C-alpha atoms as a PDB file:
ATOM      1  CA  MET A   1      71.253 118.806  40.070  1.00  0.00           C
ATOM      2  CA  GLU A   2      75.015 118.019  39.484  1.00  0.00           C
ATOM      3  CA  THR A   3      75.815 115.028  37.384  1.00  0.00           C
ATOM      4  CA  PHE A   4      79.089 113.266  37.958  1.00  0.00           C
ATOM      5  CA  LEU A   5      80.849 110.195  36.595  1.00  0.00           C
ATOM      6  CA  LEU A   6      83.151 108.565  39.294  1.00  0.00           C
ATOM      7  CA  ILE A   7      85.813 106.286  37.902  1.00  0.00           C
ATOM      8  CA  GLY A   8      87.689 104.010  40.560  1.00  0.00           C
ATOM      9  CA  HIS A   9      87.871 101.225  42.593  1.00  0.00           C
ATOM     10  CA  ILE A  10      85.877 100.593  45.505  1.00  0.00           C
ATOM     11  CA  ALA A  11      88.055  98.836  48.588  1.00  0.00           C
ATOM     12  CA  ARG A  12      87.172  96.057  50.590  1.00  0.00           C
ATOM     13  CA  ASP A  13      88.920  97.446  53.805  1.00  0.00           C
ATOM     14  CA  GLU A  14      89.676  94.478  56.468  1.00  0.00           C
ATOM     15  CA  THR A  15      89.436  96.010  59.866  1.00  0.00           C
ATOM     16  CA  PRO A  16      89.837  94.445  63.256  1.00  0.00           C
ATOM     17  CA  SER A  17      85.673  94.791  63.486  1.00  0.00           C
ATOM     18  CA  GLY A  18      85.373  93.094  59.842  1.00  0.00           C
ATOM     19  CA  ALA A  19      85.353  94.092  56.281  1.00  0.00           C
ATOM     20  CA  ARG A  20      83.451  97.327  55.341  1.00  0.00           C
ATOM     21  CA  LEU A  21      83.396  99.436  52.501  1.00  0.00           C
ATOM     22  CA  GLY A  22      86.485 102.052  51.432  1.00  0.00           C
ATOM     23  CA  GLY A  23      87.687 103.748  48.681  1.00  0.00           C
ATOM     24  CA  THR A  24      87.613 107.342  47.333  1.00  0.00           C
ATOM     25  CA  VAL A  25      84.660 106.543  45.226  1.00  0.00           C
ATOM     26  CA  ALA A  26      83.098 105.299  48.154  1.00  0.00           C
ATOM     27  CA  TYR A  27      83.658 108.381  50.684  1.00  0.00           C
ATOM     28  CA  ALA A  28      83.670 111.092  47.850  1.00  0.00           C
ATOM     29  CA  GLY A  29      80.507 109.436  46.526  1.00  0.00           C
ATOM     30  CA  SER A  30      78.813 109.299  49.483  1.00  0.00           C
ATOM     31  CA  ALA A  31      79.629 112.899  50.589  1.00  0.00           C
ATOM     32  CA  MET A  32      78.178 113.946  46.985  1.00  0.00           C
ATOM     33  CA  ALA A  33      74.860 112.156  47.433  1.00  0.00           C
ATOM     34  CA  ALA A  34      74.864 114.164  50.549  1.00  0.00           C
ATOM     35  CA  LEU A  35      74.828 117.565  48.641  1.00  0.00           C
ATOM     36  CA  GLY A  36      72.752 116.034  46.167  1.00  0.00           C
ATOM     37  CA  ALA A  37      74.417 115.203  43.197  1.00  0.00           C
ATOM     38  CA  GLU A  38      73.622 112.413  40.786  1.00  0.00           C
ATOM     39  CA  LEU A  39      76.238 109.843  40.510  1.00  0.00           C
ATOM     40  CA  ARG A  40      77.211 107.142  38.116  1.00  0.00           C
ATOM     41  CA  LEU A  41      79.927 104.800  39.246  1.00  0.00           C
ATOM     42  CA  VAL A  42      82.271 102.743  37.230  1.00  0.00           C
ATOM     43  CA  THR A  43      84.136 100.318  39.228  1.00  0.00           C
ATOM     44  CA  SER A  44      85.235  96.645  39.176  1.00  0.00           C
ATOM     45  CA  ALA A  45      85.160  94.261  42.162  1.00  0.00           C
ATOM     46  CA  ARG A  46      83.946  90.639  42.934  1.00  0.00           C
ATOM     47  CA  SER A  47      80.322  90.464  41.718  1.00  0.00           C
ATOM     48  CA  ASP A  48      79.218  89.053  44.814  1.00  0.00           C
ATOM     49  CA  GLU A  49      81.476  91.654  47.365  1.00  0.00           C
ATOM     50  CA  SER A  50      79.504  92.006  50.163  1.00  0.00           C
ATOM     51  CA  VAL A  51      80.843  95.249  51.101  1.00  0.00           C
ATOM     52  CA  LEU A  52      79.232  97.048  47.592  1.00  0.00           C
ATOM     53  CA  ALA A  53      75.996  97.121  49.438  1.00  0.00           C
ATOM     54  CA  GLU A  54      77.064  99.978  51.828  1.00  0.00           C
ATOM     55  CA  LEU A  55      77.191 102.244  48.970  1.00  0.00           C
ATOM     56  CA  PRO A  56      74.719 104.758  49.044  1.00  0.00           C
ATOM     57  CA  ALA A  57      71.403 103.527  47.207  1.00  0.00           C
ATOM     58  CA  SER A  58      71.124 106.801  44.974  1.00  0.00           C
ATOM     59  CA  ILE A  59      74.598 105.648  43.446  1.00  0.00           C
ATOM     60  CA  CYS A  60      74.018 104.250  39.690  1.00  0.00           C
ATOM     61  CA  LEU A  61      76.462 101.429  39.567  1.00  0.00           C
ATOM     62  CA  HIS A  62      78.250  99.731  36.627  1.00  0.00           C
ATOM     63  CA  LEU A  63      80.433  97.095  38.211  1.00  0.00           C
ATOM     64  CA  ILE A  64      82.909  95.294  36.239  1.00  0.00           C
ATOM     65  CA  PRO A  65      83.273  91.718  37.799  1.00  0.00           C
ATOM     66  CA  ALA A  66      86.822  90.500  38.802  1.00  0.00           C
ATOM     67  CA  ALA A  67      88.312  87.575  40.308  1.00  0.00           C
ATOM     68  CA  ARG A  68      89.274  89.544  43.516  1.00  0.00           C
ATOM     69  CA  SER A  69      88.018  92.946  44.741  1.00  0.00           C
ATOM     70  CA  THR A  70      90.949  95.716  45.683  1.00  0.00           C
ATOM     71  CA  THR A  71      91.545  94.861  49.297  1.00  0.00           C
ATOM     72  CA  PHE A  72      93.503  96.845  51.747  1.00  0.00           C
ATOM     73  CA  ILE A  73      94.796  96.735  55.258  1.00  0.00           C
ATOM     74  CA  ASN A  74      95.065  99.973  57.131  1.00  0.00           C
ATOM     75  CA  ARG A  75      97.264 100.661  60.034  1.00  0.00           C
ATOM     76  CA  TYR A  76      97.792 103.890  61.700  1.00  0.00           C
ATOM     77  CA  GLU A  77     101.369 104.348  63.709  1.00  0.00           C
ATOM     78  CA  GLY A  78     102.063 107.705  65.011  1.00  0.00           C
ATOM     79  CA  GLY A  79      99.179 109.571  63.215  1.00  0.00           C
ATOM     80  CA  ALA A  80     100.840 108.194  59.686  1.00  0.00           C
ATOM     81  CA  ARG A  81      98.905 105.419  57.680  1.00  0.00           C
ATOM     82  CA  ARG A  82     100.564 101.952  56.783  1.00  0.00           C
ATOM     83  CA  GLN A  83      98.707 100.155  54.028  1.00  0.00           C
ATOM     84  CA  THR A  84      99.060  96.348  52.840  1.00  0.00           C
ATOM     85  CA  LEU A  85      97.044  95.532  49.520  1.00  0.00           C
ATOM     86  CA  LEU A  86      95.964  92.240  49.787  1.00  0.00           C
ATOM     87  CA  GLY A  87      94.416  92.115  45.746  1.00  0.00           C
ATOM     88  CA  ARG A  88      93.427  94.391  43.128  1.00  0.00           C
ATOM     89  CA  ALA A  89      90.423  94.188  40.699  1.00  0.00           C
ATOM     90  CA  GLU A  90      90.457  94.958  37.216  1.00  0.00           C
ATOM     91  CA  PRO A  91      92.011  97.945  35.560  1.00  0.00           C
ATOM     92  CA  LEU A  92      89.736 100.432  34.356  1.00  0.00           C
ATOM     93  CA  THR A  93      89.552 101.898  31.029  1.00  0.00           C
ATOM     94  CA  TYR A  94      87.590 104.176  28.478  1.00  0.00           C
ATOM     95  CA  ALA A  95      86.016 100.527  27.083  1.00  0.00           C
ATOM     96  CA  HIS A  96      84.413  99.676  30.410  1.00  0.00           C
ATOM     97  CA  LEU A  97      82.130 103.143  30.456  1.00  0.00           C
ATOM     98  CA  PRO A  98      78.738 102.432  29.399  1.00  0.00           C
ATOM     99  CA  GLU A  99      78.134 104.273  26.112  1.00  0.00           C
ATOM    100  CA  ALA A 100      75.470 106.422  27.520  1.00  0.00           C
ATOM    101  CA  TRP A 101      77.691 107.655  30.482  1.00  0.00           C
ATOM    102  CA  ARG A 102      80.403 108.956  28.111  1.00  0.00           C
ATOM    103  CA  ALA A 103      78.780 112.340  27.878  1.00  0.00           C
ATOM    104  CA  ALA A 104      78.918 113.294  31.355  1.00  0.00           C
ATOM    105  CA  PRO A 105      79.268 117.117  32.392  1.00  0.00           C
ATOM    106  CA  ALA A 106      81.745 116.261  34.970  1.00  0.00           C
ATOM    107  CA  VAL A 107      84.296 113.503  35.448  1.00  0.00           C
ATOM    108  CA  CYS A 108      86.112 112.550  38.783  1.00  0.00           C
ATOM    109  CA  LEU A 109      89.025 110.030  37.952  1.00  0.00           C
ATOM    110  CA  CYS A 110      89.456 108.506  41.696  1.00  0.00           C
ATOM    111  CA  PRO A 111      92.347 105.809  41.605  1.00  0.00           C
ATOM    112  CA  LEU A 112      93.209 103.677  44.616  1.00  0.00           C
ATOM    113  CA  ALA A 113      96.162 101.163  43.173  1.00  0.00           C
ATOM    114  CA  ASP A 114      96.806 102.690  39.708  1.00  0.00           C
ATOM    115  CA  GLU A 115      93.987 101.132  38.244  1.00  0.00           C
ATOM    116  CA  VAL A 116      92.593 104.285  36.527  1.00  0.00           C
ATOM    117  CA  ASP A 117      94.110 104.852  32.822  1.00  0.00           C
ATOM    118  CA  PRO A 118      95.095 108.511  33.150  1.00  0.00           C
ATOM    119  CA  SER A 119      94.631 108.501  29.299  1.00  0.00           C
ATOM    120  CA  LEU A 120      90.932 108.685  30.209  1.00  0.00           C
ATOM    121  CA  LEU A 121      91.336 112.462  30.870  1.00  0.00           C
ATOM    122  CA  ARG A 122      91.748 113.256  26.810  1.00  0.00           C
ATOM    123  CA  ALA A 123      88.299 111.451  26.554  1.00  0.00           C
ATOM    124  CA  PHE A 124      86.359 114.171  28.150  1.00  0.00           C
ATOM    125  CA  PRO A 125      87.453 117.363  26.518  1.00  0.00           C
ATOM    126  CA  ARG A 126      84.110 119.448  27.035  1.00  0.00           C
ATOM    127  CA  ALA A 127      83.580 118.104  30.747  1.00  0.00           C
ATOM    128  CA  LEU A 128      84.892 119.157  33.966  1.00  0.00           C
ATOM    129  CA  ARG A 129      87.792 116.916  34.728  1.00  0.00           C
ATOM    130  CA  ALA A 130      88.788 116.185  38.287  1.00  0.00           C
ATOM    131  CA  ALA A 131      91.099 113.800  39.959  1.00  0.00           C
ATOM    132  CA  ALA A 132      92.159 112.564  43.625  1.00  0.00           C
ATOM    133  CA  LEU A 133      95.710 111.871  42.599  1.00  0.00           C
ATOM    134  CA  GLN A 134      96.262 109.252  45.460  1.00  0.00           C
ATOM    135  CA  GLY A 135      96.072 106.044  43.621  1.00  0.00           C
ATOM    136  CA  TRP A 136      98.483 107.193  40.727  1.00  0.00           C
ATOM    137  CA  LEU A 137     101.029 108.252  43.328  1.00  0.00           C
ATOM    138  CA  ARG A 138     101.171 104.575  44.836  1.00  0.00           C
ATOM    139  CA  THR A 139     103.094 101.401  44.334  1.00  0.00           C
ATOM    140  CA  TRP A 140     103.426  98.104  46.461  1.00  0.00           C
ATOM    141  CA  ASP A 141     106.010  95.364  47.304  1.00  0.00           C
ATOM    142  CA  SER A 142     105.761  91.806  46.655  1.00  0.00           C
ATOM    143  CA  ASP A 143     104.356  91.553  49.949  1.00  0.00           C
ATOM    144  CA  GLY A 144     101.444  94.007  49.438  1.00  0.00           C
ATOM    145  CA  THR A 145     103.394  96.897  51.289  1.00  0.00           C
ATOM    146  CA  VAL A 146     102.188 100.468  49.673  1.00  0.00           C
ATOM    147  CA  ARG A 147     104.571 103.036  49.450  1.00  0.00           C
ATOM    148  CA  ARG A 148     105.439 106.034  47.506  1.00  0.00           C
ATOM    149  CA  LYS A 149     106.478 106.253  43.718  1.00  0.00           C
ATOM    150  CA  ALA A 150     107.093 108.670  41.060  1.00  0.00           C
ATOM    151  CA  TRP A 151     103.997 109.654  38.688  1.00  0.00           C
ATOM    152  CA  ALA A 152     105.303 109.150  35.327  1.00  0.00           C
ATOM    153  CA  GLU A 153     102.263 110.888  33.725  1.00  0.00           C
ATOM    154  CA  ALA A 154     102.005 114.154  35.684  1.00  0.00           C
ATOM    155  CA  ASP A 155     103.826 116.403  33.348  1.00  0.00           C
ATOM    156  CA  TRP A 156     100.885 115.909  30.559  1.00  0.00           C
ATOM    157  CA  ALA A 157      98.027 114.789  32.723  1.00  0.00           C
ATOM    158  CA  LEU A 158      97.778 117.649  35.305  1.00  0.00           C
ATOM    159  CA  PRO A 159      97.566 120.537  32.879  1.00  0.00           C
ATOM    160  CA  LEU A 160      94.489 118.595  31.439  1.00  0.00           C
ATOM    161  CA  LEU A 161      92.606 118.538  34.932  1.00  0.00           C
ATOM    162  CA  ASP A 162      90.371 121.567  35.770  1.00  0.00           C
ATOM    163  CA  PHE A 163      91.499 120.714  39.529  1.00  0.00           C
ATOM    164  CA  ALA A 164      93.322 117.965  41.311  1.00  0.00           C
ATOM    165  CA  VAL A 165      93.316 116.851  44.892  1.00  0.00           C
ATOM    166  CA  LEU A 166      96.139 115.039  46.904  1.00  0.00           C
ATOM    167  CA  SER A 167      97.347 114.858  50.774  1.00  0.00           C
ATOM    168  CA  GLU A 168     100.593 115.735  51.838  1.00  0.00           C
ATOM    169  CA  GLU A 169     101.053 112.295  52.709  1.00  0.00           C
ATOM    170  CA  ASP A 170     100.757 110.747  49.190  1.00  0.00           C
ATOM    171  CA  ILE A 171     104.154 112.832  48.492  1.00  0.00           C
ATOM    172  CA  GLU A 172     105.506 112.508  51.746  1.00  0.00           C
ATOM    173  CA  ARG A 173     105.563 116.007  52.407  1.00  0.00           C
ATOM    174  CA  ASP A 174     107.675 116.702  49.437  1.00  0.00           C
ATOM    175  CA  ALA A 175     107.861 120.311  48.979  1.00  0.00           C
ATOM    176  CA  ALA A 176     109.606 120.423  45.935  1.00  0.00           C
ATOM    177  CA  LEU A 177     107.385 117.948  44.183  1.00  0.00           C
ATOM    178  CA  GLU A 178     104.225 119.671  45.486  1.00  0.00           C
ATOM    179  CA  ALA A 179     105.379 123.061  44.002  1.00  0.00           C
ATOM    180  CA  ARG A 180     106.177 121.479  40.921  1.00  0.00           C
ATOM    181  CA  TYR A 181     102.697 119.759  40.923  1.00  0.00           C
ATOM    182  CA  ALA A 182     101.186 123.270  41.695  1.00  0.00           C
ATOM    183  CA  ALA A 183     102.872 124.836  38.893  1.00  0.00           C
ATOM    184  CA  LEU A 184     101.144 122.037  36.662  1.00  0.00           C
ATOM    185  CA  ALA A 185      97.939 122.087  37.542  1.00  0.00           C
ATOM    186  CA  PRO A 186      95.434 125.006  36.963  1.00  0.00           C
ATOM    187  CA  LEU A 187      94.088 124.240  40.326  1.00  0.00           C
ATOM    188  CA  LEU A 188      95.437 122.149  42.893  1.00  0.00           C
ATOM    189  CA  ILE A 189      94.608 121.465  46.589  1.00  0.00           C
ATOM    190  CA  VAL A 190      96.952 119.764  48.914  1.00  0.00           C
ATOM    191  CA  THR A 191      94.986 118.741  51.944  1.00  0.00           C
ATOM    192  CA  ARG A 192      96.955 118.600  55.396  1.00  0.00           C
ATOM    193  CA  ALA A 193      94.873 116.223  58.125  1.00  0.00           C
ATOM    194  CA  GLU A 194      94.220 118.309  60.928  1.00  0.00           C
ATOM    195  CA  ARG A 195      95.833 121.436  59.665  1.00  0.00           C
ATOM    196  CA  GLY A 196      93.151 121.911  56.693  1.00  0.00           C
ATOM    197  CA  CYS A 197      94.314 122.401  53.221  1.00  0.00           C
ATOM    198  CA  THR A 198      96.436 124.626  50.755  1.00  0.00           C
ATOM    199  CA  VAL A 199      94.455 125.986  47.535  1.00  0.00           C
ATOM    200  CA  TYR A 200      96.939 126.546  44.598  1.00  0.00           C
ATOM    201  CA  ARG A 201      95.410 128.896  41.748  1.00  0.00           C
ATOM    202  CA  ARG A 202      97.571 129.777  38.581  1.00  0.00           C
ATOM    203  CA  GLY A 203      98.260 133.120  38.759  1.00  0.00           C
ATOM    204  CA  CYS A 204      97.170 133.605  42.592  1.00  0.00           C
ATOM    205  CA  ALA A 205      99.212 132.944  45.701  1.00  0.00           C
ATOM    206  CA  PRO A 206      98.746 130.008  47.503  1.00  0.00           C
ATOM    207  CA  LEU A 207      96.130 130.388  50.439  1.00  0.00           C
ATOM    208  CA  HIS A 208      95.623 128.192  53.414  1.00  0.00           C
ATOM    209  CA  ILE A 209      92.621 127.378  55.022  1.00  0.00           C
ATOM    210  CA  PRO A 210      92.635 126.154  58.526  1.00  0.00           C
ATOM    211  CA  ALA A 211      90.564 123.052  59.923  1.00  0.00           C
ATOM    212  CA  PRO A 212      88.497 123.233  62.872  1.00  0.00           C
ATOM    213  CA  GLN A 213      89.582 120.922  65.740  1.00  0.00           C
ATOM    214  CA  VAL A 214      87.927 117.686  66.586  1.00  0.00           C
ATOM    215  CA  GLU A 215      88.418 114.547  68.470  1.00  0.00           C
ATOM    216  CA  VAL A 216      89.461 112.271  65.739  1.00  0.00           C
ATOM    217  CA  VAL A 217      87.737 108.770  66.026  1.00  0.00           C
ATOM    218  CA  ASP A 218      88.365 107.413  62.621  1.00  0.00           C
ATOM    219  CA  ALA A 219      90.500 109.247  59.929  1.00  0.00           C
ATOM    220  CA  THR A 220      90.295 106.730  57.335  1.00  0.00           C
ATOM    221  CA  GLY A 221      88.464 108.534  54.396  1.00  0.00           C
ATOM    222  CA  ALA A 222      88.595 112.385  55.207  1.00  0.00           C
ATOM    223  CA  GLY A 223      90.710 113.448  52.201  1.00  0.00           C
ATOM    224  CA  ASP A 224      87.958 111.539  50.024  1.00  0.00           C
ATOM    225  CA  VAL A 225      85.121 113.314  51.727  1.00  0.00           C
ATOM    226  CA  PHE A 226      87.113 116.611  51.155  1.00  0.00           C
ATOM    227  CA  PHE A 227      87.404 115.813  47.359  1.00  0.00           C
ATOM    228  CA  GLY A 228      83.630 114.964  47.168  1.00  0.00           C
ATOM    229  CA  VAL A 229      82.431 118.073  48.760  1.00  0.00           C
ATOM    230  CA  PHE A 230      85.019 120.362  46.731  1.00  0.00           C
ATOM    231  CA  SER A 231      84.083 118.773  43.617  1.00  0.00           C
ATOM    232  CA  VAL A 232      80.068 119.190  43.799  1.00  0.00           C
ATOM    233  CA  LEU A 233      80.715 122.662  45.237  1.00  0.00           C
ATOM    234  CA  TYR A 234      83.196 123.816  42.591  1.00  0.00           C
ATOM    235  CA  GLN A 235      81.102 122.557  39.694  1.00  0.00           C
ATOM    236  CA  ARG A 236      78.166 124.389  41.197  1.00  0.00           C
ATOM    237  CA  THR A 237      79.751 127.683  41.878  1.00  0.00           C
ATOM    238  CA  ARG A 238      83.199 127.735  40.392  1.00  0.00           C
ATOM    239  CA  ASP A 239      84.454 129.296  43.396  1.00  0.00           C
ATOM    240  CA  ALA A 240      87.339 127.427  44.813  1.00  0.00           C
ATOM    241  CA  ILE A 241      87.933 128.992  48.010  1.00  0.00           C
ATOM    242  CA  TYR A 242      84.323 128.720  48.951  1.00  0.00           C
ATOM    243  CA  ALA A 243      84.431 125.147  47.794  1.00  0.00           C
ATOM    244  CA  ALA A 244      87.580 124.273  49.755  1.00  0.00           C
ATOM    245  CA  ARG A 245      86.078 126.219  52.998  1.00  0.00           C
ATOM    246  CA  VAL A 246      82.991 123.901  53.159  1.00  0.00           C
ATOM    247  CA  ALA A 247      84.867 120.910  52.238  1.00  0.00           C
ATOM    248  CA  VAL A 248      87.523 121.416  55.079  1.00  0.00           C
ATOM    249  CA  GLN A 249      84.643 121.848  57.489  1.00  0.00           C
ATOM    250  CA  LEU A 250      82.750 118.439  56.354  1.00  0.00           C
ATOM    251  CA  ALA A 251      86.000 116.463  56.237  1.00  0.00           C
ATOM    252  CA  SER A 252      87.090 117.344  59.436  1.00  0.00           C
ATOM    253  CA  GLN A 253      83.669 116.583  60.928  1.00  0.00           C
ATOM    254  CA  SER A 254      83.873 113.411  59.158  1.00  0.00           C
ATOM    255  CA  VAL A 255      86.629 112.007  61.268  1.00  0.00           C
ATOM    256  CA  THR A 256      84.444 111.907  64.600  1.00  0.00           C
ATOM    257  CA  ARG A 257      82.697 109.039  63.178  1.00  0.00           C
ATOM    258  CA  ILE A 258      83.719 105.644  61.820  1.00  0.00           C
ATOM    259  CA  GLY A 259      83.783 105.030  58.106  1.00  0.00           C
ATOM    260  CA  LEU A 260      81.151 105.973  55.897  1.00  0.00           C
ATOM    261  CA  ALA A 261      78.904 107.373  58.797  1.00  0.00           C
ATOM    262  CA  GLY A 262      81.449 110.346  58.233  1.00  0.00           C
ATOM    263  CA  ALA A 263      79.487 111.494  55.361  1.00  0.00           C
ATOM    264  CA  PRO A 264      77.973 115.009  56.025  1.00  0.00           C
ATOM    265  CA  THR A 265      74.576 115.110  57.572  1.00  0.00           C
ATOM    266  CA  ALA A 266      72.092 117.514  56.909  1.00  0.00           C
ATOM    267  CA  ALA A 267      72.636 119.695  60.187  1.00  0.00           C
ATOM    268  CA  GLU A 268      76.498 119.671  59.135  1.00  0.00           C
ATOM    269  CA  LEU A 269      75.831 120.749  55.651  1.00  0.00           C
ATOM    270  CA  ARG A 270      73.778 123.648  56.754  1.00  0.00           C
ATOM    271  CA  ALA A 271      76.254 124.809  59.367  1.00  0.00           C
ATOM    272  CA  ALA A 272      79.035 124.509  57.003  1.00  0.00           C
ATOM    273  CA  LEU A 273      77.193 126.431  53.810  1.00  0.00           C
ATOM    274  CA  GLY A 274      76.448 128.926  55.864  1.00  0.00           C
ATOM    275  CA  TRP A 275      79.905 129.609  57.422  1.00  0.00           C
ATOM    276  CA  ALA A 276      81.284 129.654  54.241  1.00  0.00           C
ATOM    277  CA  SER A 277      78.943 131.747  52.577  1.00  0.00           C
ATOM    278  CA  GLN A 278      79.745 134.260  55.458  1.00  0.00           C
ATOM    279  CA  GLN A 279      83.380 134.269  55.087  1.00  0.00           C
ATOM    280  CA  SER A 280      83.080 134.771  51.159  1.00  0.00           C
ATOM    281  CA  ALA A 281      80.591 137.940  52.045  1.00  0.00           C
ATOM    282  CA  LEU A 282      83.622 139.062  54.227  1.00  0.00           C
ATOM    283  CA  ARG A 283      86.098 138.395  51.524  1.00  0.00           C
ATOM    284  CA  SER A 284      84.301 140.568  49.303  1.00  0.00           C
END
């Protein structure tokens, strides 16, 4: 069983039907749990935050109490997401990690609102180090409107990662910046919503992996499901193409259901793993 340390804020997502759990650690963690991974989560939120009850029971939680939880309103306009940040929990540093968790074999940094200290990457030189980059690529205005920002730490942080995942929307489809990040990271995956993803491996030509076409019910968290599935399968196999093929299939299925109900089912896992194995056999 693969063991992962996840670091990042859960989110309280305010929706027309009420508050629900969000954030990369929640969506990715749910997908990773479905694949049988053992998960340890360091996050920050109000100690009485109701949406924490939606986390999978198998996730071992270390909560840093905060005066408020990281809270978003997400709106979709013409396929693009518009976010408003209503509040942010405590920043997360190495000092917040339980000592017994500091020898984790795999560490996933999952910032939502620039709350994860990038220097944490240097604290795990022997672990698999991965990051979902979106939270380092965001800032917000005084009214909470979330917008893109330049990531000052990219030049030194990306080379330290075993792999990184971002959405083309995180960088507003900036092709030059995508190419720069791909040159810095040993392995970079850029997700492209209904168009699948592109895998950049050092020394190899970029590979585009298309996504199956599905009816979208709720697009929230699809990229995070991709990150979670890819993380487990890459740690398990070290085959980036196999892991990305499965992750694209399961992320696509996730948008056919609302919220964390989009986590992979047992049937979806069997189908995606079997299909990707067939594709790998054809590749060889």
